[in-house]
Amino acid sequence: GPRGFKVKVSDRDMTLPDGTKVASGLSLRNSFHLDPRMKADLFLPCGGRPKSVNGLNWKALLDKDGRPIFKWIVEGANLFITQDARLKLEEKGVVLFKDSSTNKGGVISSSLEVLAGLALDDADFRKCMMTKGGAEPGFRKRYIEEIITVVRAKADAEFEILWSMHKGTGRPISELSDMLSGKINQITSSIENSTLFENIRLRKAAIIAHTPKTLLDKVGIYALLKKVPVSYQRAMFARCLASSFVYKHGIDAGFEDYRSFINNFAARRQI
């Protein structure tokens, strides 16, 4: 369109169609999220420097009438927005999901990639997980599809509990994200320091629940228990139980909820 423009990071001393002077293309790129011409329903910052939106410049994300120029912000980059700026934007009505919630998919996919490397021997890993001549093994394709399914399910669970807590308490979502992560970490630590891992039936149930079916069918649960280091199994076990419990019962669940959940976890999976 007539108002469109292209500025490369190497450009200097440019004049845009509306008369705006650009001294540095690099500076324009680094601060374009604060440009008054920017406006959208959804803003996904998936790169940039930490603290790009902070307590000093957050008002640049408001229009001349003080209304947010972005209705929804979903952080795809770590630390792009500072916590004080998040809270100010939420006060103005922005629906904002912070990095600690929105980047969990990256952690999940990485951990499942590592799991495949631990569970498969070198020959099977090369055969099943590595492309050759541009050809993608069927195992790899199915495994990636299952990982995407897992990430979507976890994202749905994260959203549902945060949205429910937000509607029930009126507290900022960015605060609730910290509370949710803190609760999952607290229960994870408690499980790691307990004797629950010694319950073989429960351990098998948790590892089966955590492992994509394609990998489980390939190596079997007993090979997983044999090949995967015990320290990694402990981490899988504790994180699986903790996140499953919190997503199901919330952050205010009591001991009886926890006891019932643990007792029924393996039974539901017919181990």
Protein backbone atom coordinates (compact mmCIF):
# COMPACT_ATOMS: atom_id res chain seq x y z
CA GLY A 1 0.00 0.00 0.00
CA PRO A 2 0.99 3.65 -0.28
CA ARG A 3 1.85 3.82 3.42
CA GLY A 4 3.95 0.66 3.35
CA PHE A 5 7.71 0.75 3.71
CA LYS A 6 10.74 -1.47 4.03
CA VAL A 7 13.66 -0.59 6.28
CA LYS A 8 16.70 -2.84 6.60
CA VAL A 9 18.76 -2.86 9.79
CA SER A 10 21.71 -1.53 7.79
CA ASP A 11 19.76 1.50 6.49
CA ARG A 12 20.57 5.03 7.69
CA ASP A 13 18.85 8.41 7.39
CA MET A 14 15.68 7.28 5.64
CA THR A 15 12.40 9.15 5.20
CA LEU A 16 9.21 7.05 5.37
CA PRO A 17 6.12 7.75 3.21
CA ASP A 18 4.45 9.64 6.08
CA GLY A 19 7.49 11.88 6.50
CA THR A 20 8.94 10.10 9.53
CA LYS A 21 12.73 10.33 9.68
CA VAL A 22 14.59 7.10 10.47
CA ALA A 23 18.17 7.65 11.58
CA SER A 24 18.95 3.96 12.10
CA GLY A 25 17.22 0.89 10.72
CA LEU A 26 18.57 -1.15 13.63
CA SER A 27 17.03 1.20 16.18
CA LEU A 28 13.72 1.16 14.32
CA ARG A 29 13.70 -2.64 14.35
CA ASN A 30 14.54 -2.84 18.04
CA SER A 31 11.79 -0.41 19.08
CA PHE A 32 9.12 -1.00 16.44
CA HIS A 33 6.79 -2.66 18.97
CA LEU A 34 6.50 0.82 20.53
CA ASP A 35 5.79 2.59 17.24
CA PRO A 36 2.45 4.49 17.33
CA ARG A 37 1.56 3.02 13.91
CA MET A 38 1.42 -0.45 15.42
CA LYS A 39 -2.04 -1.74 16.31
CA ALA A 40 -3.49 -5.27 16.37
CA ASP A 41 -5.86 -7.50 18.27
CA LEU A 42 -3.09 -9.98 19.09
CA PHE A 43 0.60 -9.30 19.76
CA LEU A 44 3.04 -12.22 19.83
CA PRO A 45 6.53 -10.99 20.74
CA CYS A 46 8.68 -13.98 19.76
CA GLY A 47 12.10 -12.35 19.88
CA GLY A 48 13.88 -9.19 20.88
CA ARG A 49 15.82 -8.03 23.87
CA PRO A 50 14.80 -8.64 27.51
CA LYS A 51 12.82 -5.81 29.10
CA SER A 52 11.80 -4.43 25.71
CA VAL A 53 8.55 -3.34 27.36
CA ASN A 54 9.14 -2.04 30.86
CA GLY A 55 7.90 0.30 33.55
CA LEU A 56 9.22 3.34 31.69
CA ASN A 57 7.82 2.74 28.21
CA TRP A 58 4.70 0.57 28.65
CA LYS A 59 2.41 3.54 28.00
CA ALA A 60 3.61 3.50 24.39
CA LEU A 61 1.31 0.47 24.01
CA LEU A 62 -1.70 2.74 24.64
CA ASP A 63 -3.39 4.95 22.06
CA LYS A 64 -3.97 8.70 22.46
CA ASP A 65 -7.12 7.95 24.49
CA GLY A 66 -5.27 5.66 26.89
CA ARG A 67 -6.67 2.43 25.44
CA PRO A 68 -4.46 -0.60 24.71
CA ILE A 69 -3.37 -0.95 21.09
CA PHE A 70 -3.16 -4.74 21.61
CA LYS A 71 -6.13 -6.59 23.12
CA TRP A 72 -4.21 -9.81 23.72
CA ILE A 73 -0.47 -10.28 24.33
CA VAL A 74 1.04 -13.75 24.38
CA GLU A 75 4.75 -13.69 25.14
CA GLY A 76 6.75 -16.00 22.91
CA ALA A 77 10.08 -14.56 24.06
CA ASN A 78 11.54 -14.83 27.54
CA LEU A 79 11.61 -11.63 29.60
CA PHE A 80 10.34 -9.43 26.76
CA ILE A 81 8.01 -7.61 29.16
CA THR A 82 8.89 -6.80 32.76
CA GLN A 83 6.48 -7.82 35.50
CA ASP A 84 5.61 -4.25 36.48
CA ALA A 85 4.75 -3.46 32.85
CA ARG A 86 2.64 -6.62 32.60
CA LEU A 87 0.59 -5.57 35.62
CA LYS A 88 0.08 -2.05 34.28
CA LEU A 89 -1.09 -3.39 30.91
CA GLU A 90 -3.48 -5.82 32.58
CA GLU A 91 -4.91 -2.94 34.62
CA LYS A 92 -5.72 -1.29 31.30
CA GLY A 93 -7.62 -4.36 30.15
CA VAL A 94 -4.99 -6.25 28.15
CA VAL A 95 -5.34 -10.05 28.35
CA LEU A 96 -1.69 -11.00 28.83
CA PHE A 97 -0.13 -14.44 29.11
CA LYS A 98 3.44 -14.31 30.34
CA ASP A 99 6.47 -16.28 29.23
CA SER A 100 6.52 -18.68 32.18
CA SER A 101 3.23 -20.13 30.91
CA THR A 102 3.50 -19.67 27.17
CA ASN A 103 6.99 -21.14 26.74
CA LYS A 104 6.30 -24.43 28.50
CA GLY A 105 5.75 -26.05 25.11
CA GLY A 106 9.41 -25.52 24.28
CA VAL A 107 10.47 -27.21 27.50
CA ILE A 108 8.11 -30.14 26.89
CA SER A 109 9.22 -30.72 23.30
CA SER A 110 12.90 -30.53 24.28
CA SER A 111 12.45 -33.01 27.11
CA LEU A 112 10.68 -35.49 24.84
CA GLU A 113 13.45 -35.15 22.25
CA VAL A 114 15.96 -35.97 24.98
CA LEU A 115 13.81 -38.91 26.08
CA ALA A 116 13.97 -40.42 22.59
CA GLY A 117 17.75 -40.07 22.64
CA LEU A 118 17.95 -41.87 25.99
CA ALA A 119 15.47 -44.64 25.14
CA LEU A 120 16.80 -45.54 21.66
CA ASP A 121 20.25 -46.98 21.04
CA ASP A 122 22.48 -45.18 18.54
CA ALA A 123 21.50 -47.35 15.57
CA ASP A 124 17.76 -47.00 16.24
CA PHE A 125 18.08 -43.27 16.81
CA ARG A 126 19.79 -42.81 13.44
CA LYS A 127 17.19 -45.01 11.76
CA CYS A 128 14.11 -43.58 13.48
CA MET A 129 14.90 -39.95 14.25
CA MET A 130 17.30 -38.68 11.60
CA THR A 131 16.41 -37.62 8.07
CA LYS A 132 18.49 -39.01 5.23
CA GLY A 133 18.60 -37.47 1.77
CA GLY A 134 15.61 -35.32 2.67
CA ALA A 135 13.50 -38.38 3.57
CA GLU A 136 11.81 -38.29 6.97
CA PRO A 137 11.42 -41.62 8.80
CA GLY A 138 7.83 -42.53 9.61
CA PHE A 139 8.72 -42.92 13.30
CA ARG A 140 10.10 -39.36 13.45
CA LYS A 141 7.05 -37.92 11.74
CA ARG A 142 4.64 -39.71 14.10
CA TYR A 143 6.72 -38.78 17.13
CA ILE A 144 6.69 -35.09 16.22
CA GLU A 145 2.93 -35.21 15.64
CA GLU A 146 2.43 -36.77 19.08
CA ILE A 147 4.67 -34.17 20.72
CA ILE A 148 2.57 -31.42 19.11
CA THR A 149 -0.55 -33.12 20.49
CA VAL A 150 1.00 -33.21 23.96
CA VAL A 151 1.96 -29.53 23.80
CA ARG A 152 -1.54 -28.56 22.67
CA ALA A 153 -3.13 -30.55 25.50
CA LYS A 154 -0.82 -28.96 28.08
CA ALA A 155 -1.43 -25.50 26.61
CA ASP A 156 -5.19 -26.07 26.85
CA ALA A 157 -4.82 -27.17 30.47
CA GLU A 158 -2.63 -24.17 31.33
CA PHE A 159 -5.08 -21.76 29.71
CA GLU A 160 -8.15 -23.31 31.31
CA ILE A 161 -6.80 -23.18 34.85
CA LEU A 162 -5.40 -19.65 34.46
CA TRP A 163 -8.61 -18.37 32.91
CA SER A 164 -10.71 -20.01 35.62
CA MET A 165 -8.51 -18.56 38.38
CA HIS A 166 -8.59 -15.13 36.75
CA LYS A 167 -12.37 -15.13 36.45
CA GLY A 168 -12.77 -16.43 40.00
CA THR A 169 -10.34 -14.08 41.73
CA GLY A 170 -9.96 -11.09 39.41
CA ARG A 171 -6.21 -11.23 39.91
CA PRO A 172 -3.84 -10.46 37.02
CA ILE A 173 -3.03 -13.48 34.86
CA SER A 174 0.69 -12.70 35.07
CA GLU A 175 0.53 -13.07 38.87
CA LEU A 176 -1.52 -16.25 38.58
CA SER A 177 1.06 -17.71 36.18
CA ASP A 178 3.71 -17.36 38.87
CA MET A 179 1.40 -18.90 41.48
CA LEU A 180 0.58 -21.83 39.20
CA SER A 181 4.23 -22.53 38.32
CA GLY A 182 5.19 -22.17 41.97
CA LYS A 183 2.57 -24.71 43.04
CA ILE A 184 3.63 -27.24 40.40
CA ASN A 185 7.29 -26.79 41.41
CA GLN A 186 6.42 -27.15 45.09
CA ILE A 187 4.57 -30.43 44.56
CA THR A 188 7.25 -31.67 42.17
CA SER A 189 9.89 -31.11 44.86
CA SER A 190 7.75 -32.85 47.49
CA ILE A 191 7.28 -35.90 45.26
CA GLU A 192 11.00 -36.03 44.43
CA ASN A 193 11.79 -36.07 48.17
CA SER A 194 9.17 -38.71 48.97
CA THR A 195 9.21 -42.51 48.63
CA LEU A 196 6.51 -42.53 45.94
CA PHE A 197 9.07 -43.32 43.25
CA GLU A 198 9.69 -46.70 44.90
CA ASN A 199 6.10 -47.69 44.07
CA ILE A 200 6.88 -49.50 40.81
CA ARG A 201 3.25 -49.62 39.69
CA LEU A 202 2.86 -45.88 40.15
CA ARG A 203 6.24 -45.21 38.52
CA LYS A 204 5.28 -47.21 35.44
CA ALA A 205 1.94 -45.42 35.22
CA ALA A 206 3.57 -41.98 35.34
CA ILE A 207 6.26 -42.82 32.77
CA ILE A 208 3.67 -44.35 30.44
CA ALA A 209 1.52 -41.21 30.80
CA HIS A 210 4.55 -39.03 30.02
CA THR A 211 5.89 -41.00 27.04
CA PRO A 212 4.41 -40.58 23.53
CA LYS A 213 2.84 -43.81 22.28
CA THR A 214 5.14 -44.09 19.26
CA LEU A 215 8.22 -44.31 21.49
CA LEU A 216 6.51 -46.51 24.05
CA ASP A 217 5.42 -48.99 21.36
CA LYS A 218 8.94 -49.02 19.92
CA VAL A 219 10.91 -49.80 23.08
CA GLY A 220 8.34 -50.91 25.68
CA ILE A 221 7.97 -49.79 29.27
CA TYR A 222 10.54 -52.24 30.65
CA ALA A 223 13.23 -51.09 28.23
CA LEU A 224 12.44 -47.49 29.17
CA LEU A 225 12.91 -48.32 32.84
CA LYS A 226 16.19 -50.02 32.02
CA LYS A 227 17.70 -47.52 29.55
CA VAL A 228 16.60 -44.16 30.92
CA PRO A 229 18.77 -43.00 33.85
CA VAL A 230 17.04 -43.21 37.20
CA SER A 231 17.62 -39.51 37.86
CA TYR A 232 15.76 -38.67 34.64
CA GLN A 233 12.99 -41.11 35.52
CA ARG A 234 12.59 -39.39 38.89
CA ALA A 235 12.25 -36.02 37.21
CA MET A 236 9.70 -37.36 34.69
CA PHE A 237 7.77 -39.10 37.46
CA ALA A 238 7.58 -36.11 39.79
CA ARG A 239 6.77 -33.55 37.09
CA CYS A 240 4.10 -35.74 35.50
CA LEU A 241 2.29 -36.35 38.78
CA ALA A 242 2.61 -32.76 39.98
CA SER A 243 1.37 -31.09 36.80
CA SER A 244 -1.42 -33.62 36.29
CA PHE A 245 -2.62 -33.09 39.87
CA VAL A 246 -2.56 -29.28 39.75
CA TYR A 247 -4.24 -29.07 36.35
CA LYS A 248 -6.99 -31.38 37.61
CA HIS A 249 -7.54 -30.03 41.14
CA GLY A 250 -6.15 -26.49 41.06
CA ILE A 251 -3.67 -24.74 43.34
CA ASP A 252 -5.87 -24.81 46.45
CA ALA A 253 -6.53 -28.55 46.56
CA GLY A 254 -6.18 -30.23 49.94
CA PHE A 255 -4.48 -33.35 51.21
CA GLU A 256 -7.51 -35.57 50.62
CA ASP A 257 -7.58 -34.54 46.95
CA TYR A 258 -3.88 -35.36 46.68
CA ARG A 259 -4.24 -38.73 48.42
CA SER A 260 -7.15 -39.75 46.21
CA PHE A 261 -5.32 -38.62 43.06
CA ILE A 262 -2.18 -40.63 43.87
CA ASN A 263 -4.16 -43.73 44.83
CA ASN A 264 -6.17 -43.66 41.62
CA PHE A 265 -3.47 -42.58 39.16
CA ALA A 266 -2.16 -46.06 38.35
CA ALA A 267 -5.60 -47.66 38.56
CA ARG A 268 -6.97 -45.39 35.85
CA ARG A 269 -4.26 -46.59 33.49
CA GLN A 270 -4.77 -50.31 34.17
CA ILE A 271 -1.13 -50.92 35.10
